[in-house]
Amino acid sequence: MPPIEGLIVILGSPNDAQGNLSAMGQRRVAKGYAEYLRLRCNGWKILLTGGFGAHFNSTDKPHAFYACQQLLAWGVTPIDIVEFAESRHTVEDAVLSRPIVEHYGVQNLLVVTSDFHMPRAEFIFSKVFAARHLCFVAAEYLPLCSQAEQQRLLAHEAQALSNLRITQPF
C-alpha cells in the first residue's frame, strides 16, 4: 500500500436517534468530501471522529459510522477511510486521533469543522499536533442559524476556548 500523504479529519457533530446527520454534520461531511475529491489523487485519506454522547449520539453505533455511510454513498472507497476516533468532545477528537495519525506516520492533517467551532478546534489540534503540518477548513453553518442560535453557539465556543486556555487538558 502506498504511503498516506495526509489525513482529512472530519470532526463529529450531532445525529438523531436514527443516525441521521444533523445539518451541522451534513455540512462537515460535505466539506470533508469536497476536500477528499481535491486531495485523493495525492494520497490523502479520511479520518472520522465521533463516538457516543447524550448530547450528540445516543444510538448503538458511533457517530463516525453515520458520517462514513454518507461518504460511502457518495462513492468514497472504504480503503480511503481509516479507523474512527470514537470521541465524545473536541479534545478527544484530537487526542484519540493522535495514535491513528502516528500509526500511519502522517505529517499532514486537514481538519474540517464548522465555522463557529474553528477557533477552538485550531487551538486544540495545534497543541496536540504541534509537530505536524495542519490546515483548517470551515464548513459553513452559522448562516443556517437564527441570530439567537448564532449568538448561543459563539458564546459557548468563546467560553469553552477560554476554559481550555486555562486548563489545557492535553
N, C-alpha and C. Protein backbone atom coordinates (compact mmCIF):
# COMPACT_ATOMS: atom_id res chain seq x y z
N MET A 1 0.84 -1.18 0.00
CA MET A 1 0.00 0.00 0.00
C MET A 1 0.89 1.25 0.00
N PRO A 2 0.62 2.21 -0.89
CA PRO A 2 1.43 3.43 -0.90
C PRO A 2 1.24 4.22 0.39
N PRO A 3 2.23 5.02 0.74
CA PRO A 3 2.12 5.79 1.98
C PRO A 3 0.98 6.81 1.88
N ILE A 4 0.42 7.14 3.03
CA ILE A 4 -0.63 8.14 3.10
C ILE A 4 0.04 9.50 3.24
N GLU A 5 -0.27 10.40 2.33
CA GLU A 5 0.33 11.74 2.33
C GLU A 5 -0.27 12.61 3.43
N GLY A 6 -1.57 12.44 3.67
CA GLY A 6 -2.23 13.25 4.68
C GLY A 6 -3.59 12.68 5.02
N LEU A 7 -4.14 13.20 6.12
CA LEU A 7 -5.47 12.78 6.56
C LEU A 7 -6.39 13.99 6.64
N ILE A 8 -7.57 13.81 6.10
CA ILE A 8 -8.64 14.80 6.24
C ILE A 8 -9.43 14.36 7.47
N VAL A 9 -9.35 15.14 8.52
CA VAL A 9 -10.00 14.80 9.79
C VAL A 9 -11.33 15.55 9.85
N ILE A 10 -12.43 14.81 9.74
CA ILE A 10 -13.76 15.43 9.79
C ILE A 10 -14.30 15.24 11.20
N LEU A 11 -14.47 16.36 11.90
CA LEU A 11 -14.90 16.30 13.29
C LEU A 11 -16.38 15.95 13.40
N GLY A 12 -16.68 15.19 14.44
CA GLY A 12 -18.04 14.73 14.69
C GLY A 12 -18.98 15.86 15.05
N SER A 13 -20.27 15.56 14.98
CA SER A 13 -21.33 16.51 15.28
C SER A 13 -22.59 15.69 15.58
N PRO A 14 -23.68 16.35 15.93
CA PRO A 14 -24.87 15.57 16.31
C PRO A 14 -25.51 14.78 15.17
N ASN A 15 -26.15 13.68 15.56
CA ASN A 15 -27.05 12.94 14.70
C ASN A 15 -28.29 12.61 15.53
N ASP A 16 -29.37 12.23 14.87
CA ASP A 16 -30.58 11.93 15.62
C ASP A 16 -30.60 10.46 16.08
N ALA A 17 -31.69 10.05 16.69
CA ALA A 17 -31.81 8.70 17.26
C ALA A 17 -31.80 7.61 16.19
N GLN A 18 -32.02 7.99 14.93
CA GLN A 18 -31.97 7.02 13.84
C GLN A 18 -30.62 7.06 13.11
N GLY A 19 -29.72 7.94 13.54
CA GLY A 19 -28.41 8.04 12.92
C GLY A 19 -28.34 9.05 11.79
N ASN A 20 -29.41 9.79 11.55
CA ASN A 20 -29.38 10.82 10.51
C ASN A 20 -28.52 11.98 10.97
N LEU A 21 -27.62 12.42 10.10
CA LEU A 21 -26.75 13.54 10.44
C LEU A 21 -27.55 14.83 10.54
N SER A 22 -27.19 15.66 11.51
CA SER A 22 -27.79 16.98 11.63
C SER A 22 -27.32 17.84 10.46
N ALA A 23 -27.92 19.01 10.30
CA ALA A 23 -27.47 19.94 9.25
C ALA A 23 -25.99 20.26 9.45
N MET A 24 -25.58 20.41 10.70
CA MET A 24 -24.17 20.67 11.01
C MET A 24 -23.30 19.52 10.52
N GLY A 25 -23.72 18.31 10.83
CA GLY A 25 -22.97 17.13 10.40
C GLY A 25 -22.93 16.98 8.90
N GLN A 26 -24.06 17.23 8.25
CA GLN A 26 -24.11 17.14 6.80
C GLN A 26 -23.14 18.13 6.17
N ARG A 27 -23.08 19.33 6.72
CA ARG A 27 -22.17 20.35 6.19
C ARG A 27 -20.70 19.94 6.37
N ARG A 28 -20.38 19.41 7.55
CA ARG A 28 -18.99 18.99 7.80
C ARG A 28 -18.59 17.86 6.87
N VAL A 29 -19.45 16.87 6.73
CA VAL A 29 -19.14 15.73 5.87
C VAL A 29 -19.03 16.18 4.42
N ALA A 30 -19.92 17.05 3.97
CA ALA A 30 -19.86 17.53 2.59
C ALA A 30 -18.58 18.32 2.33
N LYS A 31 -18.16 19.14 3.29
CA LYS A 31 -16.92 19.91 3.13
C LYS A 31 -15.72 18.95 3.11
N GLY A 32 -15.72 17.97 4.00
CA GLY A 32 -14.65 16.98 4.01
C GLY A 32 -14.60 16.19 2.71
N TYR A 33 -15.77 15.86 2.18
CA TYR A 33 -15.84 15.14 0.91
C TYR A 33 -15.26 15.98 -0.23
N ALA A 34 -15.58 17.27 -0.24
CA ALA A 34 -15.02 18.16 -1.27
C ALA A 34 -13.50 18.20 -1.18
N GLU A 35 -12.97 18.24 0.03
CA GLU A 35 -11.52 18.23 0.21
C GLU A 35 -10.93 16.89 -0.24
N TYR A 36 -11.62 15.82 0.05
CA TYR A 36 -11.19 14.49 -0.38
C TYR A 36 -11.09 14.43 -1.92
N LEU A 37 -12.12 14.94 -2.59
CA LEU A 37 -12.09 14.93 -4.06
C LEU A 37 -10.89 15.70 -4.59
N ARG A 38 -10.54 16.77 -3.90
CA ARG A 38 -9.41 17.60 -4.32
C ARG A 38 -8.07 16.92 -4.05
N LEU A 39 -7.98 16.14 -2.96
CA LEU A 39 -6.69 15.63 -2.49
C LEU A 39 -6.46 14.12 -2.66
N ARG A 40 -7.48 13.38 -2.98
CA ARG A 40 -7.34 11.91 -3.00
C ARG A 40 -6.27 11.42 -3.96
N CYS A 41 -6.10 12.08 -5.08
CA CYS A 41 -5.08 11.66 -6.04
C CYS A 41 -3.67 11.88 -5.51
N ASN A 42 -3.55 12.70 -4.48
CA ASN A 42 -2.25 12.96 -3.85
C ASN A 42 -2.00 12.07 -2.64
N GLY A 43 -2.81 11.04 -2.46
CA GLY A 43 -2.57 10.09 -1.38
C GLY A 43 -3.19 10.46 -0.04
N TRP A 44 -4.23 11.28 -0.04
CA TRP A 44 -4.91 11.66 1.20
C TRP A 44 -6.07 10.70 1.47
N LYS A 45 -6.29 10.45 2.76
CA LYS A 45 -7.40 9.59 3.22
C LYS A 45 -8.20 10.37 4.26
N ILE A 46 -9.27 9.76 4.73
CA ILE A 46 -10.20 10.41 5.66
C ILE A 46 -10.17 9.72 7.02
N LEU A 47 -10.14 10.53 8.07
CA LEU A 47 -10.27 10.07 9.45
C LEU A 47 -11.51 10.76 10.02
N LEU A 48 -12.47 9.97 10.47
CA LEU A 48 -13.72 10.49 11.04
C LEU A 48 -13.69 10.40 12.56
N THR A 49 -14.19 11.44 13.22
CA THR A 49 -14.28 11.41 14.67
C THR A 49 -15.75 11.38 15.09
N GLY A 50 -15.97 10.99 16.33
CA GLY A 50 -17.32 10.99 16.90
C GLY A 50 -17.73 9.61 17.35
N GLY A 51 -17.95 9.50 18.64
CA GLY A 51 -18.39 8.24 19.23
C GLY A 51 -19.82 8.38 19.73
N PHE A 52 -19.94 8.37 21.05
CA PHE A 52 -21.24 8.38 21.70
C PHE A 52 -21.30 9.51 22.72
N GLY A 53 -22.48 10.03 22.93
CA GLY A 53 -22.69 11.06 23.94
C GLY A 53 -24.14 11.48 23.95
N ALA A 54 -24.67 11.72 25.13
CA ALA A 54 -26.09 12.08 25.27
C ALA A 54 -26.43 13.33 24.47
N HIS A 55 -25.47 14.23 24.33
CA HIS A 55 -25.74 15.49 23.63
C HIS A 55 -25.57 15.43 22.12
N PHE A 56 -25.08 14.29 21.58
CA PHE A 56 -24.89 14.26 20.13
C PHE A 56 -25.16 12.91 19.48
N ASN A 57 -25.11 11.79 20.21
CA ASN A 57 -25.37 10.49 19.59
C ASN A 57 -25.70 9.46 20.66
N SER A 58 -26.96 9.05 20.70
CA SER A 58 -27.36 8.04 21.67
C SER A 58 -27.75 6.73 21.00
N THR A 59 -27.29 6.52 19.76
CA THR A 59 -27.58 5.27 19.06
C THR A 59 -26.60 4.18 19.49
N ASP A 60 -26.71 3.01 18.87
CA ASP A 60 -25.81 1.90 19.21
C ASP A 60 -24.56 1.85 18.32
N LYS A 61 -24.40 2.83 17.44
CA LYS A 61 -23.21 2.91 16.59
C LYS A 61 -22.55 4.27 16.81
N PRO A 62 -21.24 4.35 16.66
CA PRO A 62 -20.58 5.66 16.84
C PRO A 62 -21.02 6.64 15.76
N HIS A 63 -20.99 7.91 16.11
CA HIS A 63 -21.35 8.96 15.14
C HIS A 63 -20.55 8.81 13.85
N ALA A 64 -19.27 8.50 13.96
CA ALA A 64 -18.40 8.37 12.78
C ALA A 64 -18.95 7.34 11.79
N PHE A 65 -19.64 6.32 12.28
CA PHE A 65 -20.24 5.31 11.40
C PHE A 65 -21.22 5.96 10.44
N TYR A 66 -22.05 6.87 10.96
CA TYR A 66 -23.08 7.51 10.12
C TYR A 66 -22.44 8.46 9.11
N ALA A 67 -21.40 9.17 9.52
CA ALA A 67 -20.66 10.02 8.58
C ALA A 67 -20.03 9.15 7.50
N CYS A 68 -19.49 8.02 7.90
CA CYS A 68 -18.87 7.09 6.96
C CYS A 68 -19.89 6.58 5.94
N GLN A 69 -21.08 6.25 6.40
CA GLN A 69 -22.11 5.76 5.48
C GLN A 69 -22.43 6.79 4.41
N GLN A 70 -22.46 8.07 4.79
CA GLN A 70 -22.71 9.13 3.82
C GLN A 70 -21.58 9.20 2.80
N LEU A 71 -20.36 9.15 3.28
CA LEU A 71 -19.20 9.20 2.37
C LEU A 71 -19.19 8.01 1.41
N LEU A 72 -19.49 6.83 1.93
CA LEU A 72 -19.54 5.65 1.06
C LEU A 72 -20.64 5.78 0.01
N ALA A 73 -21.78 6.34 0.41
CA ALA A 73 -22.88 6.55 -0.54
C ALA A 73 -22.47 7.51 -1.65
N TRP A 74 -21.58 8.42 -1.36
CA TRP A 74 -21.09 9.38 -2.36
C TRP A 74 -19.95 8.81 -3.20
N GLY A 75 -19.53 7.58 -2.91
CA GLY A 75 -18.52 6.94 -3.74
C GLY A 75 -17.11 6.88 -3.18
N VAL A 76 -16.92 7.32 -1.93
CA VAL A 76 -15.61 7.17 -1.31
C VAL A 76 -15.37 5.68 -1.11
N THR A 77 -14.20 5.20 -1.48
CA THR A 77 -13.91 3.78 -1.31
C THR A 77 -13.55 3.49 0.15
N PRO A 78 -13.97 2.36 0.67
CA PRO A 78 -13.67 2.03 2.07
C PRO A 78 -12.19 2.12 2.42
N ILE A 79 -11.32 1.81 1.47
CA ILE A 79 -9.88 1.85 1.74
C ILE A 79 -9.38 3.27 1.98
N ASP A 80 -10.16 4.27 1.58
CA ASP A 80 -9.77 5.66 1.78
C ASP A 80 -10.28 6.25 3.10
N ILE A 81 -10.89 5.41 3.93
CA ILE A 81 -11.34 5.84 5.26
C ILE A 81 -10.62 4.98 6.28
N VAL A 82 -9.81 5.62 7.12
CA VAL A 82 -9.07 4.89 8.15
C VAL A 82 -9.99 4.65 9.35
N GLU A 83 -9.47 4.00 10.37
CA GLU A 83 -10.27 3.70 11.55
C GLU A 83 -10.77 4.99 12.20
N PHE A 84 -11.86 4.86 12.95
CA PHE A 84 -12.52 6.01 13.59
C PHE A 84 -11.84 6.39 14.90
N ALA A 85 -11.95 7.66 15.25
CA ALA A 85 -11.59 8.14 16.59
C ALA A 85 -12.93 8.35 17.30
N GLU A 86 -13.32 7.41 18.15
CA GLU A 86 -14.64 7.43 18.78
C GLU A 86 -14.65 8.37 19.99
N SER A 87 -14.66 9.63 19.70
CA SER A 87 -14.54 10.70 20.70
C SER A 87 -15.89 11.17 21.21
N ARG A 88 -15.82 11.90 22.35
CA ARG A 88 -17.03 12.48 22.95
C ARG A 88 -17.05 14.00 22.88
N HIS A 89 -15.90 14.59 22.57
CA HIS A 89 -15.80 16.06 22.51
C HIS A 89 -14.54 16.42 21.74
N THR A 90 -14.33 17.71 21.55
CA THR A 90 -13.26 18.18 20.67
C THR A 90 -11.87 17.80 21.16
N VAL A 91 -11.63 17.86 22.46
CA VAL A 91 -10.31 17.46 22.96
C VAL A 91 -10.06 16.00 22.60
N GLU A 92 -11.06 15.15 22.80
CA GLU A 92 -10.89 13.74 22.44
C GLU A 92 -10.78 13.55 20.93
N ASP A 93 -11.42 14.43 20.14
CA ASP A 93 -11.24 14.34 18.68
C ASP A 93 -9.74 14.32 18.37
N ALA A 94 -9.02 15.25 18.96
CA ALA A 94 -7.58 15.37 18.70
C ALA A 94 -6.79 14.26 19.40
N VAL A 95 -7.03 14.06 20.67
CA VAL A 95 -6.25 13.10 21.45
C VAL A 95 -6.43 11.67 20.93
N LEU A 96 -7.66 11.29 20.59
CA LEU A 96 -7.90 9.94 20.08
C LEU A 96 -7.49 9.78 18.62
N SER A 97 -7.33 10.89 17.92
CA SER A 97 -6.82 10.83 16.54
C SER A 97 -5.31 10.63 16.52
N ARG A 98 -4.63 11.08 17.56
CA ARG A 98 -3.17 11.02 17.59
C ARG A 98 -2.61 9.62 17.34
N PRO A 99 -3.07 8.56 18.03
CA PRO A 99 -2.49 7.24 17.74
C PRO A 99 -2.75 6.77 16.30
N ILE A 100 -3.86 7.18 15.72
CA ILE A 100 -4.16 6.80 14.34
C ILE A 100 -3.19 7.52 13.40
N VAL A 101 -3.01 8.81 13.63
CA VAL A 101 -2.08 9.60 12.82
C VAL A 101 -0.67 9.02 12.95
N GLU A 102 -0.26 8.68 14.16
CA GLU A 102 1.08 8.12 14.38
C GLU A 102 1.21 6.76 13.72
N HIS A 103 0.16 5.95 13.78
CA HIS A 103 0.19 4.62 13.16
C HIS A 103 0.51 4.71 11.66
N TYR A 104 -0.07 5.69 11.00
CA TYR A 104 0.15 5.85 9.57
C TYR A 104 1.35 6.74 9.24
N GLY A 105 1.98 7.30 10.25
CA GLY A 105 3.15 8.14 10.03
C GLY A 105 2.84 9.40 9.23
N VAL A 106 1.65 9.92 9.39
CA VAL A 106 1.19 11.07 8.62
C VAL A 106 1.71 12.37 9.23
N GLN A 107 2.20 13.25 8.39
CA GLN A 107 2.67 14.57 8.84
C GLN A 107 1.69 15.68 8.51
N ASN A 108 0.76 15.44 7.59
CA ASN A 108 -0.16 16.48 7.11
C ASN A 108 -1.60 16.17 7.52
N LEU A 109 -2.22 17.13 8.17
CA LEU A 109 -3.62 16.99 8.58
C LEU A 109 -4.41 18.18 8.07
N LEU A 110 -5.58 17.90 7.55
CA LEU A 110 -6.53 18.94 7.17
C LEU A 110 -7.76 18.68 8.04
N VAL A 111 -8.05 19.59 8.95
CA VAL A 111 -9.14 19.42 9.91
C VAL A 111 -10.37 20.18 9.41
N VAL A 112 -11.49 19.46 9.33
CA VAL A 112 -12.75 20.05 8.89
C VAL A 112 -13.70 20.13 10.07
N THR A 113 -14.20 21.33 10.34
CA THR A 113 -15.21 21.52 11.36
C THR A 113 -16.11 22.67 10.94
N SER A 114 -17.06 23.01 11.78
CA SER A 114 -17.99 24.10 11.48
C SER A 114 -17.32 25.45 11.68
N ASP A 115 -17.83 26.45 10.97
CA ASP A 115 -17.27 27.81 11.04
C ASP A 115 -17.19 28.34 12.47
N PHE A 116 -18.24 28.18 13.25
CA PHE A 116 -18.25 28.70 14.62
C PHE A 116 -17.30 27.96 15.55
N HIS A 117 -16.95 26.75 15.21
CA HIS A 117 -16.12 25.87 16.04
C HIS A 117 -14.62 25.98 15.72
N MET A 118 -14.31 26.68 14.68
CA MET A 118 -12.94 26.74 14.16
C MET A 118 -11.91 27.22 15.19
N PRO A 119 -12.11 28.33 15.91
CA PRO A 119 -11.06 28.77 16.85
C PRO A 119 -10.70 27.71 17.90
N ARG A 120 -11.70 27.03 18.45
CA ARG A 120 -11.42 26.01 19.47
C ARG A 120 -10.72 24.81 18.85
N ALA A 121 -11.18 24.37 17.69
CA ALA A 121 -10.53 23.23 17.02
C ALA A 121 -9.08 23.56 16.68
N GLU A 122 -8.83 24.76 16.19
CA GLU A 122 -7.45 25.17 15.87
C GLU A 122 -6.58 25.17 17.12
N PHE A 123 -7.10 25.69 18.21
CA PHE A 123 -6.34 25.73 19.46
C PHE A 123 -5.96 24.32 19.91
N ILE A 124 -6.93 23.43 19.95
CA ILE A 124 -6.71 22.06 20.45
C ILE A 124 -5.78 21.29 19.52
N PHE A 125 -6.09 21.25 18.24
CA PHE A 125 -5.28 20.46 17.31
C PHE A 125 -3.86 21.01 17.20
N SER A 126 -3.70 22.31 17.31
CA SER A 126 -2.35 22.90 17.26
C SER A 126 -1.52 22.49 18.48
N LYS A 127 -2.15 22.25 19.61
CA LYS A 127 -1.43 21.78 20.80
C LYS A 127 -1.11 20.29 20.67
N VAL A 128 -2.10 19.50 20.31
CA VAL A 128 -1.94 18.04 20.25
C VAL A 128 -1.04 17.62 19.09
N PHE A 129 -1.07 18.36 18.00
CA PHE A 129 -0.29 18.02 16.81
C PHE A 129 0.72 19.12 16.48
N ALA A 130 1.42 19.59 17.48
CA ALA A 130 2.36 20.71 17.29
C ALA A 130 3.46 20.40 16.27
N ALA A 131 3.82 19.13 16.13
CA ALA A 131 4.91 18.76 15.23
C ALA A 131 4.42 18.41 13.82
N ARG A 132 3.13 18.54 13.56
CA ARG A 132 2.56 18.19 12.26
C ARG A 132 2.20 19.46 11.48
N HIS A 133 2.06 19.31 10.18
CA HIS A 133 1.59 20.40 9.34
C HIS A 133 0.06 20.36 9.35
N LEU A 134 -0.56 21.44 9.82
CA LEU A 134 -2.01 21.49 9.96
C LEU A 134 -2.63 22.54 9.04
N CYS A 135 -3.80 22.20 8.54
CA CYS A 135 -4.61 23.13 7.77
C CYS A 135 -6.04 22.96 8.29
N PHE A 136 -6.77 24.04 8.37
CA PHE A 136 -8.14 24.01 8.90
C PHE A 136 -9.10 24.55 7.86
N VAL A 137 -10.21 23.85 7.69
CA VAL A 137 -11.22 24.24 6.71
C VAL A 137 -12.58 24.29 7.41
N ALA A 138 -13.28 25.40 7.22
CA ALA A 138 -14.57 25.60 7.88
C ALA A 138 -15.73 25.19 6.97
N ALA A 139 -16.63 24.40 7.55
CA ALA A 139 -17.90 24.11 6.90
C ALA A 139 -18.88 25.17 7.36
N GLU A 140 -19.48 25.87 6.44
CA GLU A 140 -20.40 26.96 6.78
C GLU A 140 -21.63 26.41 7.50
N TYR A 141 -21.93 26.96 8.66
CA TYR A 141 -23.12 26.55 9.41
C TYR A 141 -23.87 27.75 9.99
N LEU A 142 -23.15 28.74 10.48
CA LEU A 142 -23.80 29.89 11.12
C LEU A 142 -24.89 30.54 10.26
N PRO A 143 -24.70 30.69 8.94
CA PRO A 143 -25.76 31.31 8.14
C PRO A 143 -27.09 30.54 8.16
N LEU A 144 -27.05 29.27 8.54
CA LEU A 144 -28.28 28.47 8.61
C LEU A 144 -29.06 28.73 9.90
N CYS A 145 -28.43 29.39 10.85
CA CYS A 145 -28.99 29.55 12.19
C CYS A 145 -29.67 30.91 12.37
N SER A 146 -30.60 30.93 13.31
CA SER A 146 -31.20 32.21 13.70
C SER A 146 -30.15 33.05 14.40
N GLN A 147 -30.42 34.34 14.54
CA GLN A 147 -29.49 35.23 15.26
C GLN A 147 -29.27 34.73 16.67
N ALA A 148 -30.35 34.31 17.33
CA ALA A 148 -30.24 33.83 18.71
C ALA A 148 -29.35 32.59 18.78
N GLU A 149 -29.52 31.67 17.84
CA GLU A 149 -28.71 30.45 17.82
C GLU A 149 -27.25 30.78 17.50
N GLN A 150 -27.02 31.70 16.60
CA GLN A 150 -25.66 32.13 16.30
C GLN A 150 -24.99 32.68 17.55
N GLN A 151 -25.68 33.54 18.27
CA GLN A 151 -25.13 34.12 19.49
C GLN A 151 -24.86 33.05 20.54
N ARG A 152 -25.78 32.08 20.67
CA ARG A 152 -25.59 31.00 21.63
C ARG A 152 -24.35 30.17 21.29
N LEU A 153 -24.22 29.79 20.02
CA LEU A 153 -23.08 28.98 19.60
C LEU A 153 -21.76 29.73 19.80
N LEU A 154 -21.72 30.98 19.39
CA LEU A 154 -20.49 31.76 19.52
C LEU A 154 -20.13 32.00 20.99
N ALA A 155 -21.12 32.24 21.84
CA ALA A 155 -20.85 32.43 23.27
C ALA A 155 -20.33 31.13 23.89
N HIS A 156 -20.94 30.01 23.53
CA HIS A 156 -20.48 28.72 24.04
C HIS A 156 -19.03 28.45 23.63
N GLU A 157 -18.72 28.70 22.38
CA GLU A 157 -17.36 28.47 21.89
C GLU A 157 -16.35 29.39 22.58
N ALA A 158 -16.72 30.65 22.76
CA ALA A 158 -15.81 31.59 23.43
C ALA A 158 -15.53 31.14 24.85
N GLN A 159 -16.55 30.68 25.56
CA GLN A 159 -16.36 30.21 26.94
C GLN A 159 -15.53 28.93 26.96
N ALA A 160 -15.82 28.01 26.07
CA ALA A 160 -15.07 26.75 26.02
C ALA A 160 -13.60 27.00 25.69
N LEU A 161 -13.33 27.90 24.78
CA LEU A 161 -11.95 28.23 24.43
C LEU A 161 -11.24 28.91 25.60
N SER A 162 -11.93 29.80 26.27
CA SER A 162 -11.36 30.46 27.44
C SER A 162 -10.99 29.43 28.52
N ASN A 163 -11.88 28.48 28.76
CA ASN A 163 -11.60 27.42 29.74
C ASN A 163 -10.40 26.58 29.33
N LEU A 164 -10.30 26.27 28.04
CA LEU A 164 -9.17 25.46 27.55
C LEU A 164 -7.84 26.20 27.71
N ARG A 165 -7.85 27.49 27.48
CA ARG A 165 -6.61 28.26 27.62
C ARG A 165 -6.09 28.20 29.05
N ILE A 166 -7.01 28.04 30.00
CA ILE A 166 -6.62 27.95 31.42
C ILE A 166 -6.20 26.53 31.78
N THR A 167 -7.00 25.55 31.39
CA THR A 167 -6.77 24.16 31.83
C THR A 167 -5.85 23.36 30.94
N GLN A 168 -5.88 23.57 29.62
CA GLN A 168 -5.10 22.81 28.64
C GLN A 168 -4.97 21.33 29.02
N PRO A 169 -6.06 20.57 28.92
CA PRO A 169 -6.06 19.17 29.36
C PRO A 169 -5.44 18.18 28.37
N PHE A 170 -4.33 18.56 27.73
CA PHE A 170 -3.72 17.62 26.78
C PHE A 170 -2.22 17.70 26.88
